[in-house]
Structures are given as structure tokens and as C-alpha cells.
Amino acid sequence: MPVWVQDQCVVVSMVDQLVRKVRTGKRKSLKASRLAFGSLMTKKWSTFADPDIIRINKDLMADVLRIYRENFTGINERRFTMYCRFFNETCYAFLERGKVVGYCIFFVRPVFSYSHIYKTATLYSLAVDSDHRVYGIGKRLLQKGIREMKLNSVNCISLYVATENMPAISLYKKAGFRILRELEDVCGPGLKCYEMDLGLGQGLP
């Protein structure tokens, strides 16, 4: 069977699974449907081993949520845990002596064109425990995520970061992200943030 026919079969199968998901939740929003489709795009996720970084699982969630609460004021644990559940393959925890000291969470979304379905990713949340911020843990988590996005043909990664969060902005710039624009109320009510993105070498049409 030609490769393009196999690809079409895969897409049809993914769409069928998405339709079933949407039908079981009749009130799902378009955003939720896109997230459901995105989660299907990570089911056969290619990865590489890192002795200190593993996927977030239910046994680690309490420690991950602790770090989340310590680092952010606009807390939405329901959304946070939903992304960890939908996108388990792209949610990473950094362990030191068996303890979670940092995490990085991406979610994947489809972008539809006339002839293709492209993958894009959003860096939803990245944080490191306050006692471990000078050891390059955030950099390693980000590098692993970017490397796996490239490995799985993701076209670009976007993120939103508070304009006053200079350490994070510096980290993202060093990783190749660029500032696109300044926005309000995205990172929290009344807060200003930058939208940043990183192209991964496979441009969208």
C-alpha cells in the first residue's frame, strides 16, 4: 500500500476516534474537541531516554501540583490536571533522588489546511522548585520537550509568559523563542504577557 494511502487511513481512523469522543460529550466546546484531537496525535509519540526526566503519572501529581501552586497565582488545578491526563506523553517531571523538583507540560493541537493536518504545540506550564533553580533543571526540561517535538514532526511551539518574568523570558530566548506580541489578561486578570514562538523547521503553509 502506498505511503500516502496509509497516511490517509491513519487520518480517517483518528477522525473516527475524535467523532466518538465528541459524541460522548455532547456539550464539548470546539477547543475541547481540538484538544481531544491533539491528544490522539500523541498516542504513538516517539521519545528518548533521560535518566532524570520521566512522564508525569498519578503518583507524582501531588508533588507536581505543589510546585505549580508555589509558582503561579492564577491557579486552575482542574485545567492543569486535564492537560496532564490528555497529554501524558508530553508532560515531564524532573526527579532528584526520587523527588519531583520540576515539571514541564506541553499540549498538542492540530492546524488544518486544505491538504494536510499539521501539529503545533503549546508550552502550557514550566516550573522548578524554589530550592533547585540554579541547576539548569528548567533548561533540561525545555530541551527535552523541544527535542521530542522535533522528533514527532511538530511544526512550532508557542507559549505565554508574564512580561515581568525575566528569568523565564531569558530561558526561552536562549532556546530560540522569539517575542511575537504583548497581550493582556492571558496570563491572569490584569496581567501583561508576551506571546512567544519557536519554529521547528517545517513551516506551515
N, C-alpha and C. Protein backbone atom coordinates (compact mmCIF):
# COMPACT_ATOMS: atom_id res chain seq x y z
N MET A 1 0.85 -1.19 0.00
CA MET A 1 0.00 0.00 0.00
C MET A 1 0.88 1.24 0.00
N PRO A 2 0.61 2.21 -0.91
CA PRO A 2 1.42 3.44 -0.93
C PRO A 2 1.38 4.16 0.40
N VAL A 3 2.48 4.88 0.69
CA VAL A 3 2.57 5.59 1.97
C VAL A 3 1.46 6.60 2.13
N TRP A 4 1.12 7.34 1.03
CA TRP A 4 0.10 8.39 1.16
C TRP A 4 -1.25 7.80 1.47
N VAL A 5 -1.52 6.57 0.99
CA VAL A 5 -2.78 5.90 1.29
C VAL A 5 -2.80 5.49 2.76
N GLN A 6 -1.66 4.98 3.25
CA GLN A 6 -1.58 4.62 4.67
C GLN A 6 -1.81 5.84 5.55
N ASP A 7 -1.21 6.99 5.15
CA ASP A 7 -1.39 8.21 5.92
C ASP A 7 -2.85 8.62 5.96
N GLN A 8 -3.54 8.50 4.83
CA GLN A 8 -4.96 8.86 4.78
C GLN A 8 -5.77 7.94 5.69
N CYS A 9 -5.41 6.66 5.72
CA CYS A 9 -6.11 5.71 6.58
C CYS A 9 -5.93 6.07 8.04
N VAL A 10 -4.72 6.48 8.39
CA VAL A 10 -4.44 6.89 9.77
C VAL A 10 -5.28 8.10 10.14
N VAL A 11 -5.35 9.09 9.23
CA VAL A 11 -6.12 10.30 9.50
C VAL A 11 -7.61 9.96 9.65
N VAL A 12 -8.13 9.10 8.78
CA VAL A 12 -9.54 8.70 8.88
C VAL A 12 -9.81 8.03 10.21
N SER A 13 -8.90 7.14 10.63
CA SER A 13 -9.06 6.46 11.91
C SER A 13 -9.04 7.45 13.06
N MET A 14 -8.13 8.44 13.01
CA MET A 14 -8.05 9.44 14.06
C MET A 14 -9.33 10.27 14.11
N VAL A 15 -9.87 10.64 12.94
CA VAL A 15 -11.09 11.42 12.89
C VAL A 15 -12.26 10.63 13.47
N ASP A 16 -12.32 9.33 13.14
CA ASP A 16 -13.38 8.48 13.69
C ASP A 16 -13.33 8.45 15.21
N GLN A 17 -12.12 8.31 15.76
CA GLN A 17 -11.96 8.31 17.21
C GLN A 17 -12.38 9.64 17.80
N LEU A 18 -12.04 10.73 17.12
CA LEU A 18 -12.41 12.06 17.60
C LEU A 18 -13.92 12.22 17.61
N VAL A 19 -14.58 11.79 16.55
CA VAL A 19 -16.04 11.90 16.47
C VAL A 19 -16.69 11.15 17.62
N ARG A 20 -16.17 9.96 17.94
CA ARG A 20 -16.73 9.19 19.05
C ARG A 20 -16.55 9.93 20.37
N LYS A 21 -15.38 10.56 20.55
CA LYS A 21 -15.14 11.32 21.77
C LYS A 21 -16.10 12.49 21.88
N VAL A 22 -16.31 13.18 20.76
CA VAL A 22 -17.19 14.35 20.78
C VAL A 22 -18.63 13.93 21.05
N ARG A 23 -19.06 12.79 20.49
CA ARG A 23 -20.44 12.34 20.70
C ARG A 23 -20.70 11.95 22.14
N THR A 24 -19.68 11.40 22.81
CA THR A 24 -19.89 11.01 24.21
C THR A 24 -20.00 12.22 25.13
N GLY A 25 -19.49 13.34 24.70
CA GLY A 25 -19.62 14.57 25.48
C GLY A 25 -20.30 15.62 24.62
N LYS A 26 -21.60 15.64 24.59
CA LYS A 26 -22.36 16.46 23.65
C LYS A 26 -22.12 17.95 23.82
N ARG A 27 -21.70 18.34 25.01
CA ARG A 27 -21.52 19.77 25.27
C ARG A 27 -20.07 20.22 25.18
N LYS A 28 -19.23 19.39 24.63
CA LYS A 28 -17.82 19.78 24.49
C LYS A 28 -17.69 21.00 23.59
N SER A 29 -16.85 21.91 23.98
CA SER A 29 -16.59 23.09 23.15
C SER A 29 -15.66 22.72 22.00
N LEU A 30 -15.55 23.66 21.04
CA LEU A 30 -14.62 23.44 19.92
C LEU A 30 -13.20 23.29 20.43
N LYS A 31 -12.84 24.09 21.43
CA LYS A 31 -11.50 24.00 22.00
C LYS A 31 -11.24 22.62 22.57
N ALA A 32 -12.22 22.10 23.32
CA ALA A 32 -12.06 20.77 23.91
C ALA A 32 -11.93 19.71 22.82
N SER A 33 -12.67 19.88 21.73
CA SER A 33 -12.61 18.92 20.63
C SER A 33 -11.23 18.94 19.98
N ARG A 34 -10.68 20.16 19.82
CA ARG A 34 -9.33 20.26 19.25
C ARG A 34 -8.30 19.63 20.17
N LEU A 35 -8.49 19.79 21.48
CA LEU A 35 -7.58 19.15 22.43
C LEU A 35 -7.70 17.64 22.36
N ALA A 36 -8.93 17.15 22.20
CA ALA A 36 -9.13 15.70 22.07
C ALA A 36 -8.41 15.18 20.83
N PHE A 37 -8.52 15.92 19.73
CA PHE A 37 -7.83 15.54 18.50
C PHE A 37 -6.33 15.59 18.73
N GLY A 38 -5.87 16.64 19.41
CA GLY A 38 -4.45 16.76 19.69
C GLY A 38 -3.93 15.62 20.52
N SER A 39 -4.72 15.17 21.49
CA SER A 39 -4.27 14.05 22.33
C SER A 39 -4.11 12.78 21.50
N LEU A 40 -4.96 12.61 20.48
CA LEU A 40 -4.83 11.45 19.60
C LEU A 40 -3.52 11.51 18.81
N MET A 41 -3.07 12.71 18.52
CA MET A 41 -1.84 12.87 17.74
C MET A 41 -0.59 12.51 18.54
N THR A 42 -0.74 12.32 19.85
CA THR A 42 0.42 11.96 20.69
C THR A 42 0.40 10.49 21.09
N LYS A 43 -0.52 9.70 20.55
CA LYS A 43 -0.65 8.31 21.01
C LYS A 43 0.54 7.45 20.62
N LYS A 44 1.18 7.74 19.51
CA LYS A 44 2.37 6.97 19.10
C LYS A 44 3.58 7.89 19.15
N TRP A 45 3.77 8.49 20.29
CA TRP A 45 4.79 9.51 20.48
C TRP A 45 6.17 8.89 20.58
N SER A 46 7.09 9.37 19.75
CA SER A 46 8.48 8.91 19.82
C SER A 46 9.21 9.70 20.89
N THR A 47 10.06 9.02 21.64
CA THR A 47 10.73 9.68 22.76
C THR A 47 12.18 9.27 22.82
N PHE A 48 12.92 9.85 23.75
CA PHE A 48 14.29 9.42 24.01
C PHE A 48 14.50 9.42 25.51
N ALA A 49 15.40 8.60 25.96
CA ALA A 49 15.57 8.39 27.40
C ALA A 49 16.38 9.51 28.03
N ASP A 50 15.96 9.89 29.22
CA ASP A 50 16.71 10.80 30.07
C ASP A 50 16.61 10.24 31.48
N PRO A 51 17.72 9.97 32.14
CA PRO A 51 17.66 9.30 33.45
C PRO A 51 16.96 10.11 34.54
N ASP A 52 16.85 11.43 34.35
CA ASP A 52 16.27 12.28 35.38
C ASP A 52 14.86 12.76 35.06
N ILE A 53 14.40 12.55 33.84
CA ILE A 53 13.10 13.08 33.42
C ILE A 53 12.18 11.94 33.01
N ILE A 54 10.99 11.91 33.62
CA ILE A 54 10.01 10.88 33.28
C ILE A 54 8.67 11.53 33.02
N ARG A 55 7.72 10.74 32.51
CA ARG A 55 6.37 11.24 32.29
C ARG A 55 5.67 11.44 33.64
N ILE A 56 4.85 12.47 33.72
CA ILE A 56 4.07 12.68 34.94
C ILE A 56 3.01 11.59 35.05
N ASN A 57 2.92 10.96 36.21
CA ASN A 57 1.89 9.96 36.44
C ASN A 57 1.14 10.31 37.73
N LYS A 58 0.12 9.53 38.04
CA LYS A 58 -0.74 9.86 39.19
C LYS A 58 0.03 9.86 40.51
N ASP A 59 1.08 9.06 40.59
CA ASP A 59 1.87 9.02 41.82
C ASP A 59 2.69 10.29 42.03
N LEU A 60 2.93 11.03 40.96
CA LEU A 60 3.73 12.25 41.04
C LEU A 60 2.89 13.52 41.12
N MET A 61 1.58 13.40 40.88
CA MET A 61 0.74 14.58 40.72
C MET A 61 0.72 15.49 41.94
N ALA A 62 0.72 14.92 43.13
CA ALA A 62 0.68 15.76 44.34
C ALA A 62 1.89 16.68 44.41
N ASP A 63 3.09 16.15 44.10
CA ASP A 63 4.30 16.97 44.14
C ASP A 63 4.32 17.97 42.99
N VAL A 64 3.84 17.56 41.82
CA VAL A 64 3.78 18.47 40.67
C VAL A 64 2.83 19.63 40.98
N LEU A 65 1.68 19.34 41.55
CA LEU A 65 0.72 20.38 41.90
C LEU A 65 1.27 21.31 42.99
N ARG A 66 2.06 20.78 43.89
CA ARG A 66 2.68 21.63 44.92
C ARG A 66 3.58 22.68 44.27
N ILE A 67 4.40 22.26 43.32
CA ILE A 67 5.30 23.19 42.63
C ILE A 67 4.48 24.19 41.81
N TYR A 68 3.42 23.71 41.19
CA TYR A 68 2.53 24.58 40.41
C TYR A 68 1.95 25.69 41.30
N ARG A 69 1.45 25.32 42.47
CA ARG A 69 0.86 26.30 43.38
C ARG A 69 1.89 27.30 43.88
N GLU A 70 3.11 26.84 44.11
CA GLU A 70 4.16 27.71 44.63
C GLU A 70 4.63 28.75 43.61
N ASN A 71 4.44 28.47 42.34
CA ASN A 71 5.00 29.32 41.29
C ASN A 71 4.00 30.21 40.58
N PHE A 72 2.72 29.94 40.71
CA PHE A 72 1.73 30.70 39.95
C PHE A 72 0.61 31.20 40.85
N THR A 73 0.09 32.38 40.51
CA THR A 73 -1.01 32.95 41.29
C THR A 73 -2.37 32.60 40.68
N GLY A 74 -2.44 32.55 39.35
CA GLY A 74 -3.70 32.18 38.70
C GLY A 74 -3.83 30.67 38.62
N ILE A 75 -4.29 30.05 39.70
CA ILE A 75 -4.31 28.59 39.79
C ILE A 75 -5.59 28.04 39.17
N ASN A 76 -5.42 27.05 38.29
CA ASN A 76 -6.57 26.33 37.73
C ASN A 76 -6.19 24.84 37.72
N GLU A 77 -6.36 24.20 38.87
CA GLU A 77 -5.92 22.81 39.00
C GLU A 77 -6.71 21.86 38.10
N ARG A 78 -7.96 22.20 37.87
CA ARG A 78 -8.78 21.34 37.01
C ARG A 78 -8.22 21.30 35.59
N ARG A 79 -7.90 22.47 35.05
CA ARG A 79 -7.33 22.52 33.71
C ARG A 79 -5.94 21.88 33.68
N PHE A 80 -5.16 22.16 34.70
CA PHE A 80 -3.80 21.62 34.81
C PHE A 80 -3.82 20.09 34.77
N THR A 81 -4.66 19.49 35.61
CA THR A 81 -4.73 18.02 35.65
C THR A 81 -5.34 17.45 34.37
N MET A 82 -6.25 18.20 33.73
CA MET A 82 -6.82 17.74 32.47
C MET A 82 -5.75 17.64 31.40
N TYR A 83 -4.87 18.65 31.31
CA TYR A 83 -3.80 18.58 30.32
C TYR A 83 -2.85 17.42 30.62
N CYS A 84 -2.57 17.20 31.90
CA CYS A 84 -1.70 16.07 32.25
C CYS A 84 -2.34 14.74 31.86
N ARG A 85 -3.64 14.66 31.94
CA ARG A 85 -4.34 13.42 31.57
C ARG A 85 -4.42 13.26 30.06
N PHE A 86 -4.79 14.33 29.35
CA PHE A 86 -4.93 14.27 27.90
C PHE A 86 -3.58 14.07 27.21
N PHE A 87 -2.53 14.71 27.74
CA PHE A 87 -1.25 14.76 27.05
C PHE A 87 -0.13 14.17 27.90
N ASN A 88 -0.37 12.98 28.40
CA ASN A 88 0.60 12.34 29.28
C ASN A 88 1.96 12.18 28.62
N GLU A 89 1.99 11.96 27.32
CA GLU A 89 3.26 11.76 26.62
C GLU A 89 4.11 13.02 26.57
N THR A 90 3.49 14.19 26.74
CA THR A 90 4.24 15.44 26.64
C THR A 90 4.22 16.23 27.96
N CYS A 91 4.09 15.51 29.05
CA CYS A 91 4.13 16.11 30.39
C CYS A 91 5.29 15.48 31.16
N TYR A 92 6.30 16.28 31.49
CA TYR A 92 7.55 15.75 32.03
C TYR A 92 7.78 16.21 33.47
N ALA A 93 8.35 15.31 34.27
CA ALA A 93 8.75 15.64 35.64
C ALA A 93 10.24 15.35 35.80
N PHE A 94 10.94 16.27 36.45
CA PHE A 94 12.36 16.10 36.73
C PHE A 94 12.49 15.56 38.15
N LEU A 95 13.18 14.43 38.29
CA LEU A 95 13.33 13.79 39.59
C LEU A 95 14.76 13.92 40.10
N GLU A 96 14.87 14.22 41.38
CA GLU A 96 16.18 14.20 42.06
C GLU A 96 16.02 13.33 43.30
N ARG A 97 16.73 12.21 43.31
CA ARG A 97 16.61 11.24 44.40
C ARG A 97 15.17 10.83 44.64
N GLY A 98 14.44 10.65 43.54
CA GLY A 98 13.05 10.20 43.61
C GLY A 98 12.03 11.27 43.92
N LYS A 99 12.48 12.51 44.09
CA LYS A 99 11.58 13.61 44.42
C LYS A 99 11.40 14.52 43.21
N VAL A 100 10.16 14.96 42.96
CA VAL A 100 9.89 15.88 41.86
C VAL A 100 10.41 17.27 42.23
N VAL A 101 11.30 17.82 41.39
CA VAL A 101 11.83 19.15 41.65
C VAL A 101 11.54 20.12 40.49
N GLY A 102 10.84 19.64 39.48
CA GLY A 102 10.46 20.49 38.36
C GLY A 102 9.56 19.74 37.41
N TYR A 103 8.83 20.49 36.59
CA TYR A 103 7.95 19.85 35.61
C TYR A 103 7.83 20.75 34.39
N CYS A 104 7.38 20.18 33.29
CA CYS A 104 7.16 20.91 32.04
C CYS A 104 6.00 20.25 31.31
N ILE A 105 4.99 21.03 30.96
CA ILE A 105 3.78 20.48 30.36
C ILE A 105 3.50 21.14 29.01
N PHE A 106 3.40 20.33 27.97
CA PHE A 106 3.01 20.78 26.64
C PHE A 106 1.66 20.16 26.28
N PHE A 107 0.89 20.87 25.46
CA PHE A 107 -0.23 20.20 24.80
C PHE A 107 -0.13 20.42 23.30
N VAL A 108 -0.66 19.48 22.54
CA VAL A 108 -0.54 19.47 21.08
C VAL A 108 -1.91 19.75 20.47
N ARG A 109 -1.92 20.56 19.43
CA ARG A 109 -3.17 20.87 18.74
C ARG A 109 -2.98 20.74 17.23
N PRO A 110 -4.04 20.38 16.52
CA PRO A 110 -3.94 20.30 15.06
C PRO A 110 -4.21 21.66 14.42
N VAL A 111 -3.56 21.91 13.29
CA VAL A 111 -3.88 23.03 12.42
C VAL A 111 -4.24 22.44 11.07
N PHE A 112 -5.42 22.76 10.59
CA PHE A 112 -5.92 22.16 9.36
C PHE A 112 -5.67 23.06 8.16
N SER A 113 -5.15 22.47 7.08
CA SER A 113 -5.06 23.17 5.81
C SER A 113 -5.86 22.36 4.77
N TYR A 114 -5.83 22.80 3.54
CA TYR A 114 -6.61 22.13 2.51
C TYR A 114 -6.21 20.66 2.34
N SER A 115 -4.92 20.39 2.45
CA SER A 115 -4.45 19.03 2.15
C SER A 115 -3.71 18.35 3.29
N HIS A 116 -3.50 19.05 4.42
CA HIS A 116 -2.71 18.47 5.50
C HIS A 116 -3.30 18.80 6.86
N ILE A 117 -2.88 17.98 7.82
CA ILE A 117 -3.12 18.29 9.22
C ILE A 117 -1.75 18.46 9.86
N TYR A 118 -1.47 19.66 10.36
CA TYR A 118 -0.18 19.95 10.96
C TYR A 118 -0.29 19.90 12.48
N LYS A 119 0.84 19.58 13.10
CA LYS A 119 0.90 19.57 14.57
C LYS A 119 1.54 20.86 15.07
N THR A 120 0.89 21.48 16.04
CA THR A 120 1.51 22.59 16.76
C THR A 120 1.44 22.27 18.25
N ALA A 121 2.33 22.85 19.02
CA ALA A 121 2.35 22.59 20.46
C ALA A 121 2.36 23.90 21.23
N THR A 122 1.83 23.85 22.43
CA THR A 122 1.88 24.99 23.35
C THR A 122 2.55 24.54 24.64
N LEU A 123 3.53 25.31 25.07
CA LEU A 123 4.13 25.08 26.38
C LEU A 123 3.17 25.68 27.41
N TYR A 124 2.42 24.84 28.08
CA TYR A 124 1.38 25.32 28.99
C TYR A 124 1.95 25.77 30.33
N SER A 125 2.90 25.02 30.87
CA SER A 125 3.44 25.37 32.19
C SER A 125 4.80 24.73 32.39
N LEU A 126 5.73 25.52 32.94
CA LEU A 126 7.06 25.03 33.30
C LEU A 126 7.43 25.69 34.62
N ALA A 127 7.84 24.88 35.59
CA ALA A 127 8.23 25.43 36.90
C ALA A 127 9.23 24.52 37.57
N VAL A 128 10.06 25.13 38.41
CA VAL A 128 11.08 24.40 39.17
C VAL A 128 10.92 24.76 40.64
N ASP A 129 11.11 23.79 41.50
CA ASP A 129 11.06 24.01 42.94
C ASP A 129 12.03 25.13 43.33
N SER A 130 11.61 25.97 44.27
CA SER A 130 12.39 27.16 44.62
C SER A 130 13.81 26.84 45.11
N ASP A 131 14.02 25.65 45.66
CA ASP A 131 15.35 25.28 46.17
C ASP A 131 16.26 24.69 45.10
N HIS A 132 15.76 24.58 43.85
CA HIS A 132 16.55 23.91 42.80
C HIS A 132 16.64 24.74 41.52
N ARG A 133 16.60 26.05 41.63
CA ARG A 133 16.51 26.90 40.44
C ARG A 133 17.84 27.29 39.82
N VAL A 134 18.93 26.92 40.41
CA VAL A 134 20.24 27.34 39.87
C VAL A 134 21.00 26.17 39.24
N TYR A 135 20.30 25.08 38.97
CA TYR A 135 20.98 23.88 38.48
C TYR A 135 20.63 23.53 37.04
N GLY A 136 19.97 24.42 36.32
CA GLY A 136 19.66 24.16 34.92
C GLY A 136 18.55 23.17 34.68
N ILE A 137 17.70 22.94 35.68
CA ILE A 137 16.62 21.96 35.54
C ILE A 137 15.58 22.43 34.53
N GLY A 138 15.21 23.71 34.61
CA GLY A 138 14.24 24.24 33.65
C GLY A 138 14.75 24.12 32.23
N LYS A 139 16.03 24.40 32.03
CA LYS A 139 16.65 24.30 30.70
C LYS A 139 16.59 22.87 30.18
N ARG A 140 16.89 21.90 31.04
CA ARG A 140 16.86 20.50 30.61
C ARG A 140 15.46 20.03 30.27
N LEU A 141 14.48 20.45 31.07
CA LEU A 141 13.09 20.09 30.78
C LEU A 141 12.66 20.68 29.44
N LEU A 142 12.99 21.94 29.22
CA LEU A 142 12.62 22.60 27.97
C LEU A 142 13.32 21.95 26.78
N GLN A 143 14.59 21.63 26.92
CA GLN A 143 15.34 21.00 25.83
C GLN A 143 14.77 19.63 25.47
N LYS A 144 14.38 18.87 26.48
CA LYS A 144 13.79 17.56 26.20
C LYS A 144 12.48 17.71 25.44
N GLY A 145 11.66 18.67 25.88
CA GLY A 145 10.39 18.89 25.19
C GLY A 145 10.59 19.31 23.76
N ILE A 146 11.49 20.25 23.51
CA ILE A 146 11.74 20.72 22.15
C ILE A 146 12.27 19.58 21.29
N ARG A 147 13.17 18.79 21.84
CA ARG A 147 13.75 17.69 21.07
C ARG A 147 12.68 16.68 20.68
N GLU A 148 11.77 16.38 21.59
CA GLU A 148 10.73 15.41 21.26
C GLU A 148 9.71 15.99 20.30
N MET A 149 9.44 17.30 20.38
CA MET A 149 8.54 17.92 19.41
C MET A 149 9.13 17.80 18.00
N LYS A 150 10.43 18.06 17.86
CA LYS A 150 11.07 17.90 16.56
C LYS A 150 10.99 16.46 16.08
N LEU A 151 11.24 15.53 17.00
CA LEU A 151 11.24 14.11 16.67
C LEU A 151 9.87 13.65 16.17
N ASN A 152 8.82 14.32 16.62
CA ASN A 152 7.45 13.93 16.26
C ASN A 152 6.79 14.88 15.27
N SER A 153 7.61 15.64 14.53
CA SER A 153 7.16 16.47 13.41
C SER A 153 6.18 17.56 13.82
N VAL A 154 6.36 18.11 15.02
CA VAL A 154 5.59 19.29 15.41
C VAL A 154 6.18 20.49 14.69
N ASN A 155 5.32 21.34 14.12
CA ASN A 155 5.78 22.45 13.30
C ASN A 155 6.28 23.64 14.10
N CYS A 156 5.62 23.96 15.21
CA CYS A 156 6.05 25.09 16.01
C CYS A 156 5.54 24.94 17.44
N ILE A 157 6.18 25.65 18.35
CA ILE A 157 5.79 25.68 19.76
C ILE A 157 5.51 27.12 20.14
N SER A 158 4.41 27.35 20.82
CA SER A 158 4.09 28.69 21.31
C SER A 158 3.99 28.67 22.83
N LEU A 159 4.06 29.84 23.44
CA LEU A 159 3.91 29.94 24.89
C LEU A 159 3.53 31.37 25.25
N TYR A 160 3.06 31.53 26.48
CA TYR A 160 2.74 32.85 27.03
C TYR A 160 3.48 32.99 28.35
N VAL A 161 4.13 34.14 28.54
CA VAL A 161 4.93 34.35 29.73
C VAL A 161 4.72 35.78 30.22
N ALA A 162 4.59 35.95 31.53
CA ALA A 162 4.40 37.28 32.11
C ALA A 162 5.58 38.19 31.75
N THR A 163 5.29 39.44 31.41
CA THR A 163 6.33 40.36 30.95
C THR A 163 7.38 40.64 32.02
N GLU A 164 7.01 40.50 33.31
CA GLU A 164 7.98 40.76 34.37
C GLU A 164 8.80 39.53 34.75
N ASN A 165 8.50 38.39 34.14
CA ASN A 165 9.22 37.16 34.47
C ASN A 165 10.49 37.06 33.63
N MET A 166 11.47 37.89 33.96
CA MET A 166 12.69 37.97 33.15
C MET A 166 13.50 36.68 33.11
N PRO A 167 13.62 35.92 34.22
CA PRO A 167 14.38 34.66 34.12
C PRO A 167 13.77 33.70 33.10
N ALA A 168 12.42 33.60 33.07
CA ALA A 168 11.78 32.70 32.12
C ALA A 168 11.96 33.21 30.69
N ILE A 169 11.78 34.51 30.50
CA ILE A 169 11.94 35.09 29.17
C ILE A 169 13.36 34.85 28.65
N SER A 170 14.35 35.02 29.51
CA SER A 170 15.74 34.77 29.12
C SER A 170 15.95 33.31 28.73
N LEU A 171 15.36 32.40 29.51
CA LEU A 171 15.47 30.97 29.20
C LEU A 171 14.88 30.66 27.84
N TYR A 172 13.71 31.21 27.57
CA TYR A 172 13.04 30.93 26.29
C TYR A 172 13.80 31.53 25.11
N LYS A 173 14.33 32.72 25.29
CA LYS A 173 15.09 33.34 24.21
C LYS A 173 16.35 32.53 23.89
N LYS A 174 17.02 32.04 24.92
CA LYS A 174 18.22 31.23 24.71
C LYS A 174 17.89 29.93 23.98
N ALA A 175 16.66 29.44 24.15
CA ALA A 175 16.23 28.21 23.47
C ALA A 175 15.76 28.49 22.04
N GLY A 176 15.70 29.77 21.65
CA GLY A 176 15.34 30.11 20.27
C GLY A 176 13.98 30.73 20.09
N PHE A 177 13.22 30.89 21.17
CA PHE A 177 11.90 31.50 21.06
C PHE A 177 12.04 33.00 20.76
N ARG A 178 11.05 33.54 20.06
CA ARG A 178 11.01 34.97 19.76
C ARG A 178 9.70 35.55 20.29
N ILE A 179 9.75 36.82 20.67
CA ILE A 179 8.55 37.50 21.13
C ILE A 179 7.73 37.95 19.92
N LEU A 180 6.45 37.58 19.91
CA LEU A 180 5.56 37.97 18.83
C LEU A 180 4.79 39.24 19.15
N ARG A 181 4.23 39.31 20.36
CA ARG A 181 3.42 40.48 20.73
C ARG A 181 3.17 40.47 22.22
N GLU A 182 2.68 41.60 22.72
CA GLU A 182 2.31 41.73 24.12
C GLU A 182 0.78 41.67 24.24
N LEU A 183 0.30 40.91 25.22
CA LEU A 183 -1.13 40.71 25.41
C LEU A 183 -1.50 40.99 26.85
N GLU A 184 -2.80 41.19 27.10
CA GLU A 184 -3.31 41.36 28.45
C GLU A 184 -4.32 40.28 28.78
N ASP A 185 -4.40 39.94 30.05
CA ASP A 185 -5.42 39.03 30.60
C ASP A 185 -5.27 37.58 30.14
N VAL A 186 -4.14 37.22 29.51
CA VAL A 186 -3.92 35.83 29.11
C VAL A 186 -3.26 35.06 30.25
N CYS A 187 -2.27 35.66 30.89
CA CYS A 187 -1.58 35.01 32.00
C CYS A 187 -2.31 35.21 33.33
N GLY A 188 -3.38 35.97 33.32
CA GLY A 188 -4.16 36.24 34.53
C GLY A 188 -4.84 37.58 34.40
N PRO A 189 -5.92 37.81 35.14
CA PRO A 189 -6.66 39.07 35.04
C PRO A 189 -5.77 40.27 35.33
N GLY A 190 -5.73 41.22 34.38
CA GLY A 190 -4.95 42.43 34.55
C GLY A 190 -3.46 42.29 34.34
N LEU A 191 -3.00 41.09 34.00
CA LEU A 191 -1.57 40.86 33.82
C LEU A 191 -1.19 40.98 32.34
N LYS A 192 0.00 41.52 32.10
CA LYS A 192 0.54 41.59 30.75
C LYS A 192 1.49 40.42 30.51
N CYS A 193 1.45 39.89 29.30
CA CYS A 193 2.35 38.78 28.98
C CYS A 193 2.79 38.88 27.54
N TYR A 194 3.85 38.16 27.24
CA TYR A 194 4.33 38.05 25.87
C TYR A 194 3.86 36.73 25.28
N GLU A 195 3.47 36.78 24.02
CA GLU A 195 3.30 35.55 23.24
C GLU A 195 4.61 35.31 22.53
N MET A 196 5.16 34.11 22.68
CA MET A 196 6.42 33.76 22.05
C MET A 196 6.24 32.48 21.24
N ASP A 197 7.08 32.29 20.23
CA ASP A 197 7.01 31.03 19.49
C ASP A 197 8.38 30.60 19.02
N LEU A 198 8.44 29.33 18.66
CA LEU A 198 9.67 28.71 18.15
C LEU A 198 9.31 27.84 16.97
N GLY A 199 9.82 28.18 15.77
CA GLY A 199 9.63 27.34 14.60
C GLY A 199 10.58 26.17 14.63
N LEU A 200 10.09 25.01 14.17
CA LEU A 200 10.90 23.80 14.24
C LEU A 200 11.30 23.27 12.87
N GLY A 201 11.31 24.14 11.86
CA GLY A 201 11.88 23.76 10.58
C GLY A 201 10.92 23.19 9.57
N GLN A 202 9.63 23.08 9.93
CA GLN A 202 8.64 22.59 8.98
C GLN A 202 7.51 23.62 8.93
N GLY A 203 7.69 24.63 8.10
CA GLY A 203 6.76 25.76 8.10
C GLY A 203 5.36 25.40 7.69
N LEU A 204 4.40 26.09 8.30
CA LEU A 204 3.02 25.94 7.89
C LEU A 204 2.80 26.70 6.59
N PRO A 205 1.82 26.27 5.80
CA PRO A 205 1.58 26.95 4.51
C PRO A 205 0.99 28.34 4.74
